[in-house]
C-alpha atoms as a PDB file:
ATOM      1  CA  MET A   1    -157.682  14.037  32.453  1.00  0.00           C
ATOM      2  CA  ASP A   2    -154.144  13.795  31.070  1.00  0.00           C
ATOM      3  CA  PRO A   3    -153.370  17.054  29.166  1.00  0.00           C
ATOM      4  CA  SER A   4    -150.826  15.250  26.990  1.00  0.00           C
ATOM      5  CA  LEU A   5    -153.601  13.197  25.365  1.00  0.00           C
ATOM      6  CA  GLN A   6    -155.375  16.258  23.921  1.00  0.00           C
ATOM      7  CA  ASP A   7    -152.813  16.480  21.112  1.00  0.00           C
ATOM      8  CA  TRP A   8    -151.460  12.954  21.067  1.00  0.00           C
ATOM      9  CA  MET A   9    -151.356  12.685  17.269  1.00  0.00           C
ATOM     10  CA  SER A  10    -149.028  15.650  16.846  1.00  0.00           C
ATOM     11  CA  ALA A  11    -146.961  14.334  19.763  1.00  0.00           C
ATOM     12  CA  LEU A  12    -146.263  10.981  18.082  1.00  0.00           C
ATOM     13  CA  PRO A  13    -142.635  10.352  17.084  1.00  0.00           C
ATOM     14  CA  GLU A  14    -141.839  11.770  13.654  1.00  0.00           C
ATOM     15  CA  GLU A  15    -141.170   8.227  12.416  1.00  0.00           C
ATOM     16  CA  LEU A  16    -144.939   7.684  12.555  1.00  0.00           C
ATOM     17  CA  TRP A  17    -146.032  10.790  10.635  1.00  0.00           C
ATOM     18  CA  ASP A  18    -145.702   9.004   7.278  1.00  0.00           C
ATOM     19  CA  ILE A  19    -147.389   5.763   8.294  1.00  0.00           C
ATOM     20  CA  PRO A  20    -150.915   5.294   6.887  1.00  0.00           C
ATOM     21  CA  LEU A  21    -153.570   6.251   9.413  1.00  0.00           C
ATOM     22  CA  THR A  22    -155.098   2.823   8.840  1.00  0.00           C
ATOM     23  CA  ASP A  23    -151.957   1.309  10.394  1.00  0.00           C
ATOM     24  CA  LEU A  24    -151.940   3.395  13.571  1.00  0.00           C
ATOM     25  CA  ALA A  25    -153.642   2.395  16.819  1.00  0.00           C
ATOM     26  CA  ILE A  26    -156.558   4.789  17.347  1.00  0.00           C
ATOM     27  CA  PRO A  27    -158.875   4.859  20.396  1.00  0.00           C
ATOM     28  CA  GLY A  28    -162.604   4.958  19.686  1.00  0.00           C
ATOM     29  CA  SER A  29    -165.899   5.523  21.479  1.00  0.00           C
ATOM     30  CA  HIS A  30    -168.743   3.047  20.992  1.00  0.00           C
ATOM     31  CA  ASP A  31    -172.178   4.727  20.961  1.00  0.00           C
ATOM     32  CA  ALA A  32    -170.356   7.934  21.725  1.00  0.00           C
ATOM     33  CA  MET A  33    -173.409  10.092  22.479  1.00  0.00           C
ATOM     34  CA  SER A  34    -175.270   7.818  24.880  1.00  0.00           C
ATOM     35  CA  TYR A  35    -174.129   9.977  27.811  1.00  0.00           C
ATOM     36  CA  CYS A  36    -177.042  12.330  27.076  1.00  0.00           C
ATOM     37  CA  LEU A  37    -179.917   9.918  26.469  1.00  0.00           C
ATOM     38  CA  ASP A  38    -183.377  11.272  27.259  1.00  0.00           C
ATOM     39  CA  ILE A  39    -185.110   8.720  29.485  1.00  0.00           C
ATOM     40  CA  ASN A  40    -188.513  10.157  28.532  1.00  0.00           C
ATOM     41  CA  SER A  41    -188.023  10.081  24.760  1.00  0.00           C
ATOM     42  CA  PRO A  42    -189.871   7.621  22.484  1.00  0.00           C
ATOM     43  CA  LEU A  43    -188.372   4.266  21.622  1.00  0.00           C
ATOM     44  CA  VAL A  44    -186.621   4.152  18.241  1.00  0.00           C
ATOM     45  CA  ARG A  45    -188.762   3.007  15.333  1.00  0.00           C
ATOM     46  CA  SER A  46    -186.932  -0.301  14.863  1.00  0.00           C
ATOM     47  CA  GLU A  47    -188.007  -1.713  18.236  1.00  0.00           C
ATOM     48  CA  SER A  48    -190.591  -4.505  18.050  1.00  0.00           C
ATOM     49  CA  SER A  49    -194.292  -3.893  18.625  1.00  0.00           C
ATOM     50  CA  LEU A  50    -194.184  -6.271  21.612  1.00  0.00           C
ATOM     51  CA  PHE A  51    -191.410  -4.291  23.270  1.00  0.00           C
ATOM     52  CA  ARG A  52    -193.305  -1.069  22.600  1.00  0.00           C
ATOM     53  CA  LEU A  53    -196.393  -2.542  24.264  1.00  0.00           C
ATOM     54  CA  LEU A  54    -194.416  -3.656  27.322  1.00  0.00           C
ATOM     55  CA  ASP A  55    -192.831  -0.214  27.518  1.00  0.00           C
ATOM     56  CA  ARG A  56    -196.253   1.452  27.517  1.00  0.00           C
ATOM     57  CA  LEU A  57    -197.711  -0.900  30.114  1.00  0.00           C
ATOM     58  CA  PHE A  58    -194.730  -0.988  32.493  1.00  0.00           C
ATOM     59  CA  TYR A  59    -193.084   2.354  31.728  1.00  0.00           C
ATOM     60  CA  CYS A  60    -191.941   3.020  35.315  1.00  0.00           C
ATOM     61  CA  PHE A  61    -190.080  -0.285  35.301  1.00  0.00           C
ATOM     62  CA  THR A  62    -188.799  -0.479  31.723  1.00  0.00           C
ATOM     63  CA  ARG A  63    -187.362   3.032  31.387  1.00  0.00           C
ATOM     64  CA  PRO A  64    -184.812   2.899  34.232  1.00  0.00           C
ATOM     65  CA  VAL A  65    -183.687  -0.518  32.950  1.00  0.00           C
ATOM     66  CA  ILE A  66    -183.396   0.732  29.364  1.00  0.00           C
ATOM     67  CA  PHE A  67    -181.499   3.802  30.507  1.00  0.00           C
ATOM     68  CA  LYS A  68    -178.851   1.977  32.547  1.00  0.00           C
ATOM     69  CA  TRP A  69    -178.245  -0.663  29.869  1.00  0.00           C
ATOM     70  CA  CYS A  70    -178.195   1.760  26.919  1.00  0.00           C
ATOM     71  CA  THR A  71    -175.817   4.266  28.507  1.00  0.00           C
ATOM     72  CA  THR A  72    -172.345   3.374  27.228  1.00  0.00           C
ATOM     73  CA  GLN A  73    -170.478   6.635  27.935  1.00  0.00           C
ATOM     74  CA  ASP A  74    -170.439   9.181  30.765  1.00  0.00           C
ATOM     75  CA  LYS A  75    -168.259  11.950  29.301  1.00  0.00           C
ATOM     76  CA  THR A  76    -169.262  14.742  26.909  1.00  0.00           C
ATOM     77  CA  ILE A  77    -167.966  14.630  23.369  1.00  0.00           C
ATOM     78  CA  GLU A  78    -165.551  17.477  24.158  1.00  0.00           C
ATOM     79  CA  ASP A  79    -164.203  15.510  27.114  1.00  0.00           C
ATOM     80  CA  GLN A  80    -163.859  12.398  24.977  1.00  0.00           C
ATOM     81  CA  LEU A  81    -161.862  14.391  22.435  1.00  0.00           C
ATOM     82  CA  SER A  82    -159.649  15.804  25.165  1.00  0.00           C
ATOM     83  CA  ILE A  83    -158.827  12.383  26.635  1.00  0.00           C
ATOM     84  CA  GLY A  84    -157.722  11.137  23.203  1.00  0.00           C
ATOM     85  CA  ILE A  85    -160.742   9.574  21.471  1.00  0.00           C
ATOM     86  CA  ARG A  86    -160.425   9.991  17.704  1.00  0.00           C
ATOM     87  CA  PHE A  87    -163.122   7.614  16.403  1.00  0.00           C
ATOM     88  CA  PHE A  88    -166.779   8.277  17.207  1.00  0.00           C
ATOM     89  CA  ASP A  89    -169.650   5.854  16.627  1.00  0.00           C
ATOM     90  CA  LEU A  90    -172.611   8.187  15.929  1.00  0.00           C
ATOM     91  CA  ARG A  91    -176.085   6.676  15.477  1.00  0.00           C
ATOM     92  CA  ILE A  92    -178.432   9.228  13.984  1.00  0.00           C
ATOM     93  CA  ALA A  93    -182.206   9.411  13.592  1.00  0.00           C
ATOM     94  CA  HIS A  94    -185.202  11.660  13.186  1.00  0.00           C
ATOM     95  CA  LYS A  95    -187.760  11.377  15.975  1.00  0.00           C
ATOM     96  CA  PRO A  96    -191.196  10.043  15.037  1.00  0.00           C
ATOM     97  CA  ASN A  97    -193.922  12.681  14.834  1.00  0.00           C
ATOM     98  CA  ASP A  98    -191.377  15.497  15.099  1.00  0.00           C
ATOM     99  CA  ALA A  99    -192.356  18.369  12.797  1.00  0.00           C
ATOM    100  CA  SER A 100    -188.886  19.904  12.989  1.00  0.00           C
ATOM    101  CA  SER A 101    -185.894  18.849  10.887  1.00  0.00           C
ATOM    102  CA  ASP A 102    -183.761  18.276  13.989  1.00  0.00           C
ATOM    103  CA  LEU A 103    -181.784  15.034  14.157  1.00  0.00           C
ATOM    104  CA  TYR A 104    -180.793  13.239  17.344  1.00  0.00           C
ATOM    105  CA  PHE A 105    -178.480  10.419  18.361  1.00  0.00           C
ATOM    106  CA  THR A 106    -180.003   7.115  19.400  1.00  0.00           C
ATOM    107  CA  HIS A 107    -179.435   3.949  21.381  1.00  0.00           C
ATOM    108  CA  ILE A 108    -182.905   2.446  21.847  1.00  0.00           C
ATOM    109  CA  ILE A 109    -184.067   5.925  22.939  1.00  0.00           C
ATOM    110  CA  TYR A 110    -183.052   9.394  21.740  1.00  0.00           C
ATOM    111  CA  THR A 111    -180.633  11.958  23.131  1.00  0.00           C
ATOM    112  CA  HIS A 112    -181.309  15.405  24.576  1.00  0.00           C
ATOM    113  CA  LEU A 113    -178.686  16.988  22.316  1.00  0.00           C
ATOM    114  CA  THR A 114    -179.221  17.408  18.598  1.00  0.00           C
ATOM    115  CA  VAL A 115    -176.700  16.186  16.047  1.00  0.00           C
ATOM    116  CA  LEU A 116    -175.728  19.554  14.621  1.00  0.00           C
ATOM    117  CA  GLU A 117    -175.160  21.282  17.974  1.00  0.00           C
ATOM    118  CA  THR A 118    -172.951  18.361  18.998  1.00  0.00           C
ATOM    119  CA  LEU A 119    -170.921  18.369  15.786  1.00  0.00           C
ATOM    120  CA  LEU A 120    -170.501  22.132  16.109  1.00  0.00           C
ATOM    121  CA  SER A 121    -168.732  21.405  19.399  1.00  0.00           C
ATOM    122  CA  VAL A 122    -166.446  18.964  17.536  1.00  0.00           C
ATOM    123  CA  ALA A 123    -165.626  21.558  14.875  1.00  0.00           C
ATOM    124  CA  THR A 124    -164.865  24.156  17.552  1.00  0.00           C
ATOM    125  CA  TRP A 125    -162.580  21.727  19.389  1.00  0.00           C
ATOM    126  CA  LEU A 126    -160.728  20.938  16.164  1.00  0.00           C
ATOM    127  CA  ASP A 127    -160.094  24.651  15.583  1.00  0.00           C
ATOM    128  CA  LEU A 128    -158.161  24.636  18.860  1.00  0.00           C
ATOM    129  CA  HIS A 129    -156.261  21.438  17.974  1.00  0.00           C
ATOM    130  CA  PRO A 130    -155.315  21.840  14.278  1.00  0.00           C
ATOM    131  CA  LYS A 131    -153.144  18.704  14.075  1.00  0.00           C
ATOM    132  CA  GLU A 132    -155.671  16.260  15.520  1.00  0.00           C
ATOM    133  CA  ILE A 133    -157.678  14.064  13.124  1.00  0.00           C
ATOM    134  CA  VAL A 134    -161.101  12.608  13.933  1.00  0.00           C
ATOM    135  CA  ILE A 135    -163.075   9.832  12.270  1.00  0.00           C
ATOM    136  CA  LEU A 136    -166.835  10.319  12.536  1.00  0.00           C
ATOM    137  CA  ALA A 137    -168.909   7.246  11.650  1.00  0.00           C
ATOM    138  CA  CYS A 138    -172.531   8.224  11.004  1.00  0.00           C
ATOM    139  CA  SER A 139    -174.957   5.301  10.774  1.00  0.00           C
ATOM    140  CA  HIS A 140    -178.458   3.881  11.400  1.00  0.00           C
ATOM    141  CA  PHE A 141    -180.388   6.982  10.134  1.00  0.00           C
ATOM    142  CA  GLU A 142    -183.793   5.810  11.334  1.00  0.00           C
ATOM    143  CA  GLY A 143    -186.706   7.916  10.114  1.00  0.00           C
ATOM    144  CA  MET A 144    -184.619   9.710   7.470  1.00  0.00           C
ATOM    145  CA  ASP A 145    -185.657   9.888   3.813  1.00  0.00           C
ATOM    146  CA  ASP A 146    -183.547  11.036   0.851  1.00  0.00           C
ATOM    147  CA  LYS A 147    -184.512  14.671   1.350  1.00  0.00           C
ATOM    148  CA  CYS A 148    -183.497  14.518   4.996  1.00  0.00           C
ATOM    149  CA  HIS A 149    -180.161  12.895   4.080  1.00  0.00           C
ATOM    150  CA  GLU A 150    -179.353  15.568   1.500  1.00  0.00           C
ATOM    151  CA  SER A 151    -180.205  18.367   3.917  1.00  0.00           C
ATOM    152  CA  PHE A 152    -178.081  16.791   6.646  1.00  0.00           C
ATOM    153  CA  ILE A 153    -175.106  16.242   4.338  1.00  0.00           C
ATOM    154  CA  LEU A 154    -175.297  19.853   3.175  1.00  0.00           C
ATOM    155  CA  SER A 155    -175.191  20.936   6.833  1.00  0.00           C
ATOM    156  CA  LEU A 156    -172.158  18.729   7.447  1.00  0.00           C
ATOM    157  CA  LYS A 157    -170.319  20.270   4.490  1.00  0.00           C
ATOM    158  CA  LYS A 158    -171.055  23.774   5.741  1.00  0.00           C
ATOM    159  CA  LEU A 159    -170.049  22.895   9.287  1.00  0.00           C
ATOM    160  CA  PHE A 160    -166.696  21.224   8.588  1.00  0.00           C
ATOM    161  CA  GLY A 161    -165.878  22.879   5.256  1.00  0.00           C
ATOM    162  CA  SER A 162    -162.231  22.475   4.250  1.00  0.00           C
ATOM    163  CA  LYS A 163    -161.619  20.167   7.232  1.00  0.00           C
ATOM    164  CA  LEU A 164    -163.408  17.329   5.398  1.00  0.00           C
ATOM    165  CA  CYS A 165    -160.991  14.859   3.829  1.00  0.00           C
ATOM    166  CA  PRO A 166    -162.305  13.585   0.459  1.00  0.00           C
ATOM    167  CA  CYS A 167    -162.697   9.856   0.018  1.00  0.00           C
ATOM    168  CA  LYS A 168    -160.491   9.981  -3.107  1.00  0.00           C
ATOM    169  CA  GLU A 169    -157.331  10.566  -1.056  1.00  0.00           C
ATOM    170  CA  PRO A 170    -155.184   7.470  -1.816  1.00  0.00           C
ATOM    171  CA  VAL A 171    -153.068   7.141   1.335  1.00  0.00           C
ATOM    172  CA  LEU A 172    -153.742   9.117   4.486  1.00  0.00           C
ATOM    173  CA  THR A 173    -150.854   9.925   6.771  1.00  0.00           C
ATOM    174  CA  LEU A 174    -150.596  12.507   9.505  1.00  0.00           C
ATOM    175  CA  ARG A 175    -148.111  14.505   7.449  1.00  0.00           C
ATOM    176  CA  SER A 176    -150.311  14.531   4.329  1.00  0.00           C
ATOM    177  CA  LEU A 177    -153.425  15.439   6.302  1.00  0.00           C
ATOM    178  CA  TRP A 178    -151.637  18.271   8.091  1.00  0.00           C
ATOM    179  CA  ALA A 179    -150.327  19.627   4.769  1.00  0.00           C
ATOM    180  CA  SER A 180    -153.865  19.666   3.310  1.00  0.00           C
ATOM    181  CA  GLY A 181    -155.578  21.026   6.426  1.00  0.00           C
ATOM    182  CA  TYR A 182    -157.874  17.989   6.622  1.00  0.00           C
ATOM    183  CA  GLN A 183    -159.077  17.018  10.100  1.00  0.00           C
ATOM    184  CA  VAL A 184    -162.312  15.070   9.561  1.00  0.00           C
ATOM    185  CA  ILE A 185    -162.817  11.677   7.941  1.00  0.00           C
ATOM    186  CA  LEU A 186    -166.592  11.350   7.695  1.00  0.00           C
ATOM    187  CA  SER A 187    -167.961   7.842   7.208  1.00  0.00           C
ATOM    188  CA  TYR A 188    -171.609   7.761   6.110  1.00  0.00           C
ATOM    189  CA  ASP A 189    -173.373   4.397   6.084  1.00  0.00           C
ATOM    190  CA  SER A 190    -175.906   5.112   3.345  1.00  0.00           C
ATOM    191  CA  GLN A 191    -176.123   4.848  -0.429  1.00  0.00           C
ATOM    192  CA  THR A 192    -176.579   8.612  -0.415  1.00  0.00           C
ATOM    193  CA  ALA A 193    -172.872   8.911   0.392  1.00  0.00           C
ATOM    194  CA  THR A 194    -171.858   7.706  -3.073  1.00  0.00           C
ATOM    195  CA  LYS A 195    -173.005  11.046  -4.523  1.00  0.00           C
ATOM    196  CA  HIS A 196    -170.669  13.039  -2.303  1.00  0.00           C
ATOM    197  CA  PRO A 197    -166.858  12.733  -2.615  1.00  0.00           C
ATOM    198  CA  GLU A 198    -166.455  14.262   0.860  1.00  0.00           C
ATOM    199  CA  LEU A 199    -168.063  11.195   2.444  1.00  0.00           C
ATOM    200  CA  TRP A 200    -166.402   7.851   3.147  1.00  0.00           C
ATOM    201  CA  PRO A 201    -168.171   4.483   3.029  1.00  0.00           C
ATOM    202  CA  ASP A 202    -169.105   2.473   6.092  1.00  0.00           C
ATOM    203  CA  ILE A 203    -166.144   1.350   8.213  1.00  0.00           C
ATOM    204  CA  PRO A 204    -166.273  -2.323   9.309  1.00  0.00           C
ATOM    205  CA  TYR A 205    -167.000  -2.678  13.039  1.00  0.00           C
ATOM    206  CA  LEU A 206    -166.008  -6.062  14.467  1.00  0.00           C
ATOM    207  CA  TRP A 207    -168.678  -6.660  17.130  1.00  0.00           C
ATOM    208  CA  ALA A 208    -168.643  -9.817  19.240  1.00  0.00           C
ATOM    209  CA  ASN A 209    -172.184  -9.581  20.668  1.00  0.00           C
ATOM    210  CA  GLN A 210    -170.968 -11.209  23.902  1.00  0.00           C
ATOM    211  CA  HIS A 211    -171.471 -10.327  27.582  1.00  0.00           C
ATOM    212  CA  THR A 212    -168.076 -11.527  28.835  1.00  0.00           C
ATOM    213  CA  ALA A 213    -164.540 -10.366  28.144  1.00  0.00           C
ATOM    214  CA  GLN A 214    -163.600 -13.939  27.247  1.00  0.00           C
ATOM    215  CA  GLY A 215    -166.335 -14.048  24.622  1.00  0.00           C
ATOM    216  CA  VAL A 216    -165.268 -10.723  23.122  1.00  0.00           C
ATOM    217  CA  ILE A 217    -161.612 -11.767  23.004  1.00  0.00           C
ATOM    218  CA  ARG A 218    -162.396 -15.149  21.395  1.00  0.00           C
ATOM    219  CA  TYR A 219    -164.353 -13.362  18.666  1.00  0.00           C
ATOM    220  CA  LEU A 220    -161.673 -10.732  18.011  1.00  0.00           C
ATOM    221  CA  GLU A 221    -158.927 -13.388  17.920  1.00  0.00           C
ATOM    222  CA  TRP A 222    -161.013 -15.347  15.402  1.00  0.00           C
ATOM    223  CA  GLN A 223    -161.306 -12.203  13.292  1.00  0.00           C
ATOM    224  CA  LYS A 224    -157.549 -11.689  13.491  1.00  0.00           C
ATOM    225  CA  ASP A 225    -157.001 -15.214  12.182  1.00  0.00           C
ATOM    226  CA  LEU A 226    -159.118 -14.305   9.143  1.00  0.00           C
ATOM    227  CA  GLY A 227    -156.823 -11.386   8.376  1.00  0.00           C
ATOM    228  CA  ARG A 228    -157.384  -7.674   8.805  1.00  0.00           C
ATOM    229  CA  PRO A 229    -159.764  -5.798   6.467  1.00  0.00           C
ATOM    230  CA  GLU A 230    -158.326  -3.274   4.043  1.00  0.00           C
ATOM    231  CA  GLY A 231    -158.459   0.338   5.162  1.00  0.00           C
ATOM    232  CA  PHE A 232    -159.938   1.484   8.446  1.00  0.00           C
ATOM    233  CA  PHE A 233    -161.619  -1.042  10.713  1.00  0.00           C
ATOM    234  CA  ILE A 234    -162.806  -1.105  14.313  1.00  0.00           C
ATOM    235  CA  SER A 235    -162.278  -3.809  16.916  1.00  0.00           C
ATOM    236  CA  GLY A 236    -165.104  -3.374  19.416  1.00  0.00           C
ATOM    237  CA  LEU A 237    -164.351  -4.141  23.065  1.00  0.00           C
ATOM    238  CA  ASN A 238    -167.947  -3.343  24.006  1.00  0.00           C
ATOM    239  CA  LEU A 239    -169.937  -5.986  25.839  1.00  0.00           C
ATOM    240  CA  THR A 240    -173.547  -6.767  24.906  1.00  0.00           C
ATOM    241  CA  ALA A 241    -176.277  -7.983  27.234  1.00  0.00           C
ATOM    242  CA  ASP A 242    -179.417  -9.419  25.647  1.00  0.00           C
ATOM    243  CA  ARG A 243    -182.833  -9.117  27.260  1.00  0.00           C
ATOM    244  CA  CYS A 244    -182.572 -12.564  28.816  1.00  0.00           C
ATOM    245  CA  TYR A 245    -179.300 -11.636  30.558  1.00  0.00           C
ATOM    246  CA  ILE A 246    -180.709  -8.276  31.691  1.00  0.00           C
ATOM    247  CA  THR A 247    -183.835  -9.911  33.147  1.00  0.00           C
ATOM    248  CA  LYS A 248    -181.664 -12.254  35.209  1.00  0.00           C
ATOM    249  CA  ASN A 249    -179.319  -9.456  36.351  1.00  0.00           C
ATOM    250  CA  LEU A 250    -181.607  -6.525  37.141  1.00  0.00           C
ATOM    251  CA  LYS A 251    -179.244  -5.100  39.764  1.00  0.00           C
ATOM    252  CA  GLN A 252    -176.454  -4.762  37.202  1.00  0.00           C
ATOM    253  CA  SER A 253    -175.944  -2.137  34.514  1.00  0.00           C
ATOM    254  CA  LEU A 254    -173.805  -1.925  31.415  1.00  0.00           C
ATOM    255  CA  GLN A 255    -171.321   0.075  33.457  1.00  0.00           C
ATOM    256  CA  THR A 256    -170.955  -2.558  36.201  1.00  0.00           C
ATOM    257  CA  LEU A 257    -170.680  -5.272  33.541  1.00  0.00           C
ATOM    258  CA  THR A 258    -168.000  -3.319  31.660  1.00  0.00           C
ATOM    259  CA  PHE A 259    -165.988  -2.496  34.786  1.00  0.00           C
ATOM    260  CA  SER A 260    -166.067  -6.082  36.060  1.00  0.00           C
ATOM    261  CA  ASN A 261    -164.639  -7.331  32.743  1.00  0.00           C
ATOM    262  CA  TRP A 262    -162.149  -4.518  32.222  1.00  0.00           C
ATOM    263  CA  ASP A 263    -159.041  -6.151  33.677  1.00  0.00           C
ATOM    264  CA  CYS A 264    -159.230  -9.030  31.207  1.00  0.00           C
ATOM    265  CA  LEU A 265    -159.875  -6.660  28.288  1.00  0.00           C
ATOM    266  CA  ARG A 266    -157.011  -4.391  29.370  1.00  0.00           C
ATOM    267  CA  LYS A 267    -154.516  -7.251  29.344  1.00  0.00           C
ATOM    268  CA  TRP A 268    -155.640  -8.232  25.858  1.00  0.00           C
ATOM    269  CA  VAL A 269    -155.279  -4.663  24.533  1.00  0.00           C
ATOM    270  CA  GLU A 270    -151.738  -4.412  25.911  1.00  0.00           C
ATOM    271  CA  GLN A 271    -150.750  -7.463  23.852  1.00  0.00           C
ATOM    272  CA  GLN A 272    -151.982  -6.051  20.521  1.00  0.00           C
ATOM    273  CA  THR A 273    -149.896  -4.501  17.756  1.00  0.00           C
ATOM    274  CA  PRO A 274    -150.886  -1.918  15.133  1.00  0.00           C
ATOM    275  CA  GLY A 275    -149.333  -1.803  11.667  1.00  0.00           C
ATOM    276  CA  MET A 276    -149.811  -3.499   8.330  1.00  0.00           C
ATOM    277  CA  GLY A 277    -149.487  -7.070   9.566  1.00  0.00           C
ATOM    278  CA  ARG A 278    -152.207  -9.640   8.953  1.00  0.00           C
ATOM    279  CA  LYS A 279    -153.163  -9.736  12.645  1.00  0.00           C
ATOM    280  CA  SER A 280    -152.580  -6.087  13.439  1.00  0.00           C
ATOM    281  CA  LEU A 281    -155.324  -3.802  14.752  1.00  0.00           C
ATOM    282  CA  ASN A 282    -156.346  -0.265  13.828  1.00  0.00           C
ATOM    283  CA  ILE A 283    -159.219   1.419  15.737  1.00  0.00           C
ATOM    284  CA  ILE A 284    -160.056  -0.059  19.145  1.00  0.00           C
ATOM    285  CA  ALA A 285    -163.396   1.164  20.518  1.00  0.00           C
ATOM    286  CA  GLY A 286    -164.967   0.649  23.900  1.00  0.00           C
ATOM    287  CA  ASP A 287    -167.508   1.815  26.449  1.00  0.00           C
ATOM    288  CA  PHE A 288    -166.963   4.223  29.356  1.00  0.00           C
ATOM    289  CA  VAL A 289    -163.787   5.598  27.823  1.00  0.00           C
ATOM    290  CA  GLY A 290    -163.645   8.346  30.462  1.00  0.00           C
ATOM    291  CA  PRO A 291    -163.230   6.374  33.680  1.00  0.00           C
ATOM    292  CA  LEU A 292    -161.400   3.485  31.981  1.00  0.00           C
ATOM    293  CA  PRO A 293    -157.892   4.155  30.579  1.00  0.00           C
ATOM    294  CA  LEU A 294    -158.621   2.854  27.073  1.00  0.00           C
ATOM    295  CA  CYS A 295    -157.113   5.894  25.347  1.00  0.00           C
ATOM    296  CA  SER A 296    -153.718   5.755  27.000  1.00  0.00           C
ATOM    297  CA  LEU A 297    -153.495   1.975  26.433  1.00  0.00           C
ATOM    298  CA  VAL A 298    -154.330   2.207  22.728  1.00  0.00           C
ATOM    299  CA  ILE A 299    -152.160   5.243  22.024  1.00  0.00           C
ATOM    300  CA  ALA A 300    -149.208   3.527  23.725  1.00  0.00           C
ATOM    301  CA  LEU A 301    -149.465   0.648  21.218  1.00  0.00           C
ATOM    302  CA  ASN A 302    -148.070   2.970  18.557  1.00  0.00           C
ATOM    303  CA  GLN A 303    -144.693   2.871  20.275  1.00  0.00           C
ATOM    304  CA  LYS A 304    -144.416  -0.718  19.042  1.00  0.00           C
ATOM    305  CA  LEU A 305    -144.109   0.712  15.528  1.00  0.00           C
ATOM    306  CA  VAL A 306    -140.946   2.577  16.441  1.00  0.00           C
ATOM    307  CA  LYS A 307    -137.631   0.722  16.332  1.00  0.00           C
ATOM    308  CA  LYS A 308    -135.899   0.455  19.715  1.00  0.00           C
ATOM    309  CA  ASN A 309    -132.821   2.138  18.298  1.00  0.00           C
ATOM    310  CA  GLY A 310    -134.889   5.082  17.015  1.00  0.00           C
ATOM    311  CA  ARG A 311    -134.399   4.414  13.288  1.00  0.00           C
ATOM    312  CA  ASN A 312    -137.275   4.804  10.835  1.00  0.00           C
ATOM    313  CA  ILE A 313    -139.356   1.726  10.090  1.00  0.00           C
ATOM    314  CA  GLN A 314    -138.010   0.515   6.784  1.00  0.00           C
ATOM    315  CA  LYS A 315    -141.216  -1.056   5.515  1.00  0.00           C
ATOM    316  CA  TYR A 316    -142.878   2.369   5.447  1.00  0.00           C
ATOM    317  CA  CYS A 317    -139.975   4.173   3.772  1.00  0.00           C
END
């Protein structure tokens, strides 16, 4: 773990402190909490009845397969923060037949850790790193009704308090966020969010749904040709294996698939440029961000925004 990445935002050249956060290169974690999936938990509600039946009949076979293909990360959220991750893809749900109000993270199955105990760890980490900004993207919300949403949002407000950056802020820069004491941009993919100025709308995630690096890159290049979205957006490097591919490759896992395609993805990342250009990128998210050097690659892209002679970038002045 590179100690310099723990506070990489405050360590950026001063020329970049007044650039909109939407124009910086920011490393992200896809399905950030899948490192603590509970192999014995129920399947999420959205899975088909046929898949549920197969899971009941062949549990000893299906569960190890589900586990190794749904696990996208192997580092705790504190470790991910410390290696430089600043965008977190958080998929939240209430377990079926659970009498408690506890919420968990999901990726086909549920996690051991609850949402609030995990986010408490994030808030504690931010206290120790007051100039680092995180973007938390909460989505999916399976099994949650309006009452559950309102209770959860109230808990989020209490937990992060004055760290929450309101959606009304016109232009976010590191300098403006530091001056206001804001450290958390909280995206909430639900209509409930419109009632709360502390919550941001859903952030577009460009997902290729491909199982090869070449397929992912073709999709992301096509998206670049269409022009970048306004505001924050995520370019997902994560590979996807459908059930047909998994059935034919039972000895593989998402980790082996990701590692075998990494060299091609790495070369593509190195060629990218952040900024306000039509083909520039913003958040770049991937799987297994601990063992793979995604953070250092993405953070280094910000140096492209600094003039070689050290002068400020005129288009941001």
